Amino acid sequence: MMAADKIEETIKEIAVKHGIVVVRGDPILILHIINERLMRDSAAAQQEILARFKEELEVRPPMER
């Protein structure tokens, strides 16, 4: 999905969910998009950390666990 399509989809979602009209430069939309990206990036970072931790556990000898 193109970024412009995603923004239009987000605008429609906010309008339906909250019953308000939002335009591209609206601070509510901007904050919503920033929050969405931060949450996605945070989840990805947590998954990466968990994967590395699991790898470390597999490499360690049983005595060190």
PDB file of N, CA and C in Angstrom:
ATOM      1  N   MET A   1       0.849  -1.180   0.000  1.00  0.00           N
ATOM      2  CA  MET A   1       0.000   0.000   0.000  1.00  0.00           C
ATOM      3  C   MET A   1       0.892   1.239   0.000  1.00  0.00           C
ATOM      4  N   MET A   2       0.572   2.176  -0.844  1.00  0.00           N
ATOM      5  CA  MET A   2       1.332   3.418  -0.949  1.00  0.00           C
ATOM      6  C   MET A   2       1.094   4.265   0.296  1.00  0.00           C
ATOM      7  N   ALA A   3       2.081   5.110   0.625  1.00  0.00           N
ATOM      8  CA  ALA A   3       1.972   5.979   1.800  1.00  0.00           C
ATOM      9  C   ALA A   3       0.757   6.889   1.703  1.00  0.00           C
ATOM     10  N   ALA A   4       0.480   7.418   0.517  1.00  0.00           N
ATOM     11  CA  ALA A   4      -0.674   8.306   0.336  1.00  0.00           C
ATOM     12  C   ALA A   4      -1.974   7.554   0.605  1.00  0.00           C
ATOM     13  N   ASP A   5      -2.044   6.298   0.149  1.00  0.00           N
ATOM     14  CA  ASP A   5      -3.233   5.478   0.404  1.00  0.00           C
ATOM     15  C   ASP A   5      -3.403   5.222   1.893  1.00  0.00           C
ATOM     16  N   LYS A   6      -2.286   4.968   2.567  1.00  0.00           N
ATOM     17  CA  LYS A   6      -2.331   4.709   4.007  1.00  0.00           C
ATOM     18  C   LYS A   6      -2.805   5.944   4.760  1.00  0.00           C
ATOM     19  N   ILE A   7      -2.365   7.117   4.324  1.00  0.00           N
ATOM     20  CA  ILE A   7      -2.795   8.366   4.970  1.00  0.00           C
ATOM     21  C   ILE A   7      -4.288   8.570   4.749  1.00  0.00           C
ATOM     22  N   GLU A   8      -4.761   8.338   3.525  1.00  0.00           N
ATOM     23  CA  GLU A   8      -6.192   8.486   3.241  1.00  0.00           C
ATOM     24  C   GLU A   8      -7.010   7.499   4.080  1.00  0.00           C
ATOM     25  N   GLU A   9      -6.508   6.279   4.197  1.00  0.00           N
ATOM     26  CA  GLU A   9      -7.182   5.268   5.010  1.00  0.00           C
ATOM     27  C   GLU A   9      -7.233   5.703   6.476  1.00  0.00           C
ATOM     28  N   THR A  10      -6.139   6.265   6.962  1.00  0.00           N
ATOM     29  CA  THR A  10      -6.085   6.740   8.348  1.00  0.00           C
ATOM     30  C   THR A  10      -7.043   7.900   8.565  1.00  0.00           C
ATOM     31  N   ILE A  11      -7.108   8.812   7.599  1.00  0.00           N
ATOM     32  CA  ILE A  11      -8.034   9.939   7.700  1.00  0.00           C
ATOM     33  C   ILE A  11      -9.470   9.423   7.809  1.00  0.00           C
ATOM     34  N   LYS A  12      -9.833   8.469   6.967  1.00  0.00           N
ATOM     35  CA  LYS A  12     -11.185   7.898   7.003  1.00  0.00           C
ATOM     36  C   LYS A  12     -11.444   7.186   8.332  1.00  0.00           C
ATOM     37  N   GLU A  13     -10.451   6.440   8.813  1.00  0.00           N
ATOM     38  CA  GLU A  13     -10.600   5.717  10.080  1.00  0.00           C
ATOM     39  C   GLU A  13     -10.856   6.677  11.238  1.00  0.00           C
ATOM     40  N   ILE A  14     -10.088   7.759  11.298  1.00  0.00           N
ATOM     41  CA  ILE A  14     -10.265   8.753  12.363  1.00  0.00           C
ATOM     42  C   ILE A  14     -11.643   9.398  12.254  1.00  0.00           C
ATOM     43  N   ALA A  15     -12.045   9.748  11.029  1.00  0.00           N
ATOM     44  CA  ALA A  15     -13.345  10.389  10.821  1.00  0.00           C
ATOM     45  C   ALA A  15     -14.489   9.483  11.277  1.00  0.00           C
ATOM     46  N   VAL A  16     -14.421   8.204  10.919  1.00  0.00           N
ATOM     47  CA  VAL A  16     -15.485   7.268  11.295  1.00  0.00           C
ATOM     48  C   VAL A  16     -15.466   6.997  12.794  1.00  0.00           C
ATOM     49  N   LYS A  17     -14.291   6.737  13.321  1.00  0.00           N
ATOM     50  CA  LYS A  17     -14.167   6.360  14.727  1.00  0.00           C
ATOM     51  C   LYS A  17     -14.536   7.497  15.674  1.00  0.00           C
ATOM     52  N   HIS A  18     -14.139   8.715  15.321  1.00  0.00           N
ATOM     53  CA  HIS A  18     -14.325   9.838  16.243  1.00  0.00           C
ATOM     54  C   HIS A  18     -15.351  10.859  15.768  1.00  0.00           C
ATOM     55  N   GLY A  19     -15.892  10.669  14.583  1.00  0.00           N
ATOM     56  CA  GLY A  19     -16.909  11.570  14.072  1.00  0.00           C
ATOM     57  C   GLY A  19     -16.409  12.977  13.819  1.00  0.00           C
ATOM     58  N   ILE A  20     -15.155  13.095  13.382  1.00  0.00           N
ATOM     59  CA  ILE A  20     -14.593  14.419  13.102  1.00  0.00           C
ATOM     60  C   ILE A  20     -13.991  14.423  11.697  1.00  0.00           C
ATOM     61  N   VAL A  21     -13.883  15.605  11.130  1.00  0.00           N
ATOM     62  CA  VAL A  21     -13.263  15.769   9.814  1.00  0.00           C
ATOM     63  C   VAL A  21     -11.793  16.088  10.032  1.00  0.00           C
ATOM     64  N   VAL A  22     -10.932  15.378   9.318  1.00  0.00           N
ATOM     65  CA  VAL A  22      -9.490  15.554   9.453  1.00  0.00           C
ATOM     66  C   VAL A  22      -8.908  15.766   8.061  1.00  0.00           C
ATOM     67  N   VAL A  23      -7.940  16.674   7.954  1.00  0.00           N
ATOM     68  CA  VAL A  23      -7.225  16.900   6.692  1.00  0.00           C
ATOM     69  C   VAL A  23      -5.758  16.518   6.883  1.00  0.00           C
ATOM     70  N   ARG A  24      -5.029  16.423   5.803  1.00  0.00           N
ATOM     71  CA  ARG A  24      -3.631  15.958   5.855  1.00  0.00           C
ATOM     72  C   ARG A  24      -2.752  16.719   6.845  1.00  0.00           C
ATOM     73  N   GLY A  25      -2.877  18.035   6.947  1.00  0.00           N
ATOM     74  CA  GLY A  25      -2.018  18.825   7.831  1.00  0.00           C
ATOM     75  C   GLY A  25      -2.536  18.932   9.252  1.00  0.00           C
ATOM     76  N   ASP A  26      -3.611  18.232   9.560  1.00  0.00           N
ATOM     77  CA  ASP A  26      -4.227  18.317  10.880  1.00  0.00           C
ATOM     78  C   ASP A  26      -3.315  17.709  11.946  1.00  0.00           C
ATOM     79  N   PRO A  27      -3.113  18.417  13.047  1.00  0.00           N
ATOM     80  CA  PRO A  27      -2.245  17.892  14.117  1.00  0.00           C
ATOM     81  C   PRO A  27      -2.707  16.545  14.666  1.00  0.00           C
ATOM     82  N   ILE A  28      -4.015  16.301  14.696  1.00  0.00           N
ATOM     83  CA  ILE A  28      -4.520  15.015  15.191  1.00  0.00           C
ATOM     84  C   ILE A  28      -4.028  13.894  14.290  1.00  0.00           C
ATOM     85  N   LEU A  29      -4.118  14.096  12.993  1.00  0.00           N
ATOM     86  CA  LEU A  29      -3.660  13.083  12.043  1.00  0.00           C
ATOM     87  C   LEU A  29      -2.157  12.869  12.162  1.00  0.00           C
ATOM     88  N   ILE A  30      -1.421  13.953  12.248  1.00  0.00           N
ATOM     89  CA  ILE A  30       0.029  13.858  12.355  1.00  0.00           C
ATOM     90  C   ILE A  30       0.424  13.082  13.609  1.00  0.00           C
ATOM     91  N   LEU A  31      -0.186  13.404  14.740  1.00  0.00           N
ATOM     92  CA  LEU A  31       0.115  12.685  15.987  1.00  0.00           C
ATOM     93  C   LEU A  31      -0.288  11.221  15.898  1.00  0.00           C
ATOM     94  N   HIS A  32      -1.410  10.952  15.268  1.00  0.00           N
ATOM     95  CA  HIS A  32      -1.866   9.566  15.108  1.00  0.00           C
ATOM     96  C   HIS A  32      -0.842   8.761  14.300  1.00  0.00           C
ATOM     97  N   ILE A  33      -0.374   9.343  13.199  1.00  0.00           N
ATOM     98  CA  ILE A  33       0.590   8.646  12.349  1.00  0.00           C
ATOM     99  C   ILE A  33       1.918   8.446  13.078  1.00  0.00           C
ATOM    100  N   ILE A  34       2.374   9.481  13.790  1.00  0.00           N
ATOM    101  CA  ILE A  34       3.620   9.352  14.548  1.00  0.00           C
ATOM    102  C   ILE A  34       3.484   8.246  15.589  1.00  0.00           C
ATOM    103  N   ASN A  35       2.369   8.246  16.321  1.00  0.00           N
ATOM    104  CA  ASN A  35       2.151   7.222  17.346  1.00  0.00           C
ATOM    105  C   ASN A  35       2.112   5.824  16.732  1.00  0.00           C
ATOM    106  N   GLU A  36       1.427   5.692  15.601  1.00  0.00           N
ATOM    107  CA  GLU A  36       1.327   4.402  14.925  1.00  0.00           C
ATOM    108  C   GLU A  36       2.719   3.889  14.534  1.00  0.00           C
ATOM    109  N   ARG A  37       3.532   4.770  13.990  1.00  0.00           N
ATOM    110  CA  ARG A  37       4.891   4.377  13.586  1.00  0.00           C
ATOM    111  C   ARG A  37       5.754   4.018  14.791  1.00  0.00           C
ATOM    112  N   LEU A  38       5.643   4.794  15.858  1.00  0.00           N
ATOM    113  CA  LEU A  38       6.421   4.497  17.069  1.00  0.00           C
ATOM    114  C   LEU A  38       6.036   3.144  17.647  1.00  0.00           C
ATOM    115  N   MET A  39       4.747   2.849  17.667  1.00  0.00           N
ATOM    116  CA  MET A  39       4.289   1.558  18.184  1.00  0.00           C
ATOM    117  C   MET A  39       4.805   0.408  17.314  1.00  0.00           C
ATOM    118  N   ARG A  40       4.749   0.581  16.002  1.00  0.00           N
ATOM    119  CA  ARG A  40       5.229  -0.451  15.084  1.00  0.00           C
ATOM    120  C   ARG A  40       6.738  -0.663  15.245  1.00  0.00           C
ATOM    121  N   ASP A  41       7.490   0.447  15.317  1.00  0.00           N
ATOM    122  CA  ASP A  41       8.940   0.351  15.472  1.00  0.00           C
ATOM    123  C   ASP A  41       9.309  -0.271  16.810  1.00  0.00           C
ATOM    124  N   SER A  42       8.569   0.072  17.851  1.00  0.00           N
ATOM    125  CA  SER A  42       8.823  -0.484  19.173  1.00  0.00           C
ATOM    126  C   SER A  42       8.572  -1.988  19.194  1.00  0.00           C
ATOM    127  N   ALA A  43       7.482  -2.406  18.583  1.00  0.00           N
ATOM    128  CA  ALA A  43       7.170  -3.839  18.529  1.00  0.00           C
ATOM    129  C   ALA A  43       8.244  -4.593  17.759  1.00  0.00           C
ATOM    130  N   ALA A  44       8.710  -4.014  16.665  1.00  0.00           N
ATOM    131  CA  ALA A  44       9.762  -4.658  15.870  1.00  0.00           C
ATOM    132  C   ALA A  44      11.053  -4.758  16.671  1.00  0.00           C
ATOM    133  N   ALA A  45      11.398  -3.706  17.392  1.00  0.00           N
ATOM    134  CA  ALA A  45      12.618  -3.714  18.210  1.00  0.00           C
ATOM    135  C   ALA A  45      12.511  -4.750  19.320  1.00  0.00           C
ATOM    136  N   GLN A  46      11.353  -4.863  19.932  1.00  0.00           N
ATOM    137  CA  GLN A  46      11.163  -5.855  20.994  1.00  0.00           C
ATOM    138  C   GLN A  46      11.295  -7.269  20.442  1.00  0.00           C
ATOM    139  N   GLN A  47      10.756  -7.513  19.251  1.00  0.00           N
ATOM    140  CA  GLN A  47      10.871  -8.836  18.636  1.00  0.00           C
ATOM    141  C   GLN A  47      12.335  -9.170  18.327  1.00  0.00           C
ATOM    142  N   GLU A  48      13.078  -8.181  17.882  1.00  0.00           N
ATOM    143  CA  GLU A  48      14.491  -8.387  17.577  1.00  0.00           C
ATOM    144  C   GLU A  48      15.270  -8.720  18.855  1.00  0.00           C
ATOM    145  N   ILE A  49      15.002  -7.995  19.926  1.00  0.00           N
ATOM    146  CA  ILE A  49      15.673  -8.246  21.207  1.00  0.00           C
ATOM    147  C   ILE A  49      15.330  -9.642  21.716  1.00  0.00           C
ATOM    148  N   LEU A  50      14.064 -10.020  21.616  1.00  0.00           N
ATOM    149  CA  LEU A  50      13.636 -11.346  22.069  1.00  0.00           C
ATOM    150  C   LEU A  50      14.305 -12.445  21.251  1.00  0.00           C
ATOM    151  N   ALA A  51      14.410 -12.245  19.944  1.00  0.00           N
ATOM    152  CA  ALA A  51      15.055 -13.247  19.081  1.00  0.00           C
ATOM    153  C   ALA A  51      16.528 -13.415  19.450  1.00  0.00           C
ATOM    154  N   ARG A  52      17.218 -12.304  19.704  1.00  0.00           N
ATOM    155  CA  ARG A  52      18.631 -12.391  20.114  1.00  0.00           C
ATOM    156  C   ARG A  52      18.775 -13.090  21.452  1.00  0.00           C
ATOM    157  N   PHE A  53      17.870 -12.796  22.382  1.00  0.00           N
ATOM    158  CA  PHE A  53      17.914 -13.430  23.700  1.00  0.00           C
ATOM    159  C   PHE A  53      17.717 -14.941  23.569  1.00  0.00           C
ATOM    160  N   LYS A  54      16.754 -15.352  22.736  1.00  0.00           N
ATOM    161  CA  LYS A  54      16.518 -16.786  22.526  1.00  0.00           C
ATOM    162  C   LYS A  54      17.746 -17.455  21.917  1.00  0.00           C
ATOM    163  N   GLU A  55      18.403 -16.761  20.978  1.00  0.00           N
ATOM    164  CA  GLU A  55      19.618 -17.309  20.368  1.00  0.00           C
ATOM    165  C   GLU A  55      20.710 -17.491  21.415  1.00  0.00           C
ATOM    166  N   GLU A  56      20.856 -16.505  22.295  1.00  0.00           N
ATOM    167  CA  GLU A  56      21.868 -16.600  23.350  1.00  0.00           C
ATOM    168  C   GLU A  56      21.584 -17.776  24.284  1.00  0.00           C
ATOM    169  N   LEU A  57      20.322 -17.986  24.601  1.00  0.00           N
ATOM    170  CA  LEU A  57      19.971 -19.117  25.470  1.00  0.00           C
ATOM    171  C   LEU A  57      20.305 -20.449  24.820  1.00  0.00           C
ATOM    172  N   GLU A  58      20.108 -20.543  23.513  1.00  0.00           N
ATOM    173  CA  GLU A  58      20.397 -21.780  22.800  1.00  0.00           C
ATOM    174  C   GLU A  58      21.888 -22.047  22.743  1.00  0.00           C
ATOM    175  N   VAL A  59      22.720 -21.012  22.720  1.00  0.00           N
ATOM    176  CA  VAL A  59      24.167 -21.148  22.577  1.00  0.00           C
ATOM    177  C   VAL A  59      24.819 -21.486  23.915  1.00  0.00           C
ATOM    178  N   ARG A  60      24.273 -20.988  25.020  1.00  0.00           N
ATOM    179  CA  ARG A  60      24.880 -21.203  26.332  1.00  0.00           C
ATOM    180  C   ARG A  60      24.820 -22.675  26.753  1.00  0.00           C
ATOM    181  N   PRO A  61      25.868 -23.128  27.406  1.00  0.00           N
ATOM    182  CA  PRO A  61      25.837 -24.494  27.983  1.00  0.00           C
ATOM    183  C   PRO A  61      24.789 -24.569  29.092  1.00  0.00           C
ATOM    184  N   PRO A  62      24.199 -25.724  29.333  1.00  0.00           N
ATOM    185  CA  PRO A  62      23.148 -25.879  30.352  1.00  0.00           C
ATOM    186  C   PRO A  62      23.564 -25.422  31.749  1.00  0.00           C
ATOM    187  N   MET A  63      24.833 -25.517  32.092  1.00  0.00           N
ATOM    188  CA  MET A  63      25.287 -25.159  33.443  1.00  0.00           C
ATOM    189  C   MET A  63      25.128 -23.659  33.713  1.00  0.00           C
ATOM    190  N   GLU A  64      25.212 -22.829  32.688  1.00  0.00           N
ATOM    191  CA  GLU A  64      25.145 -21.385  32.853  1.00  0.00           C
ATOM    192  C   GLU A  64      23.725 -20.863  32.925  1.00  0.00           C
ATOM    193  N   ARG A  65      22.747 -21.649  32.634  1.00  0.00           N
ATOM    194  CA  ARG A  65      21.351 -21.197  32.622  1.00  0.00           C
ATOM    195  C   ARG A  65      20.820 -21.112  33.973  1.00  0.00           C
TER     196      ARG A  65
END
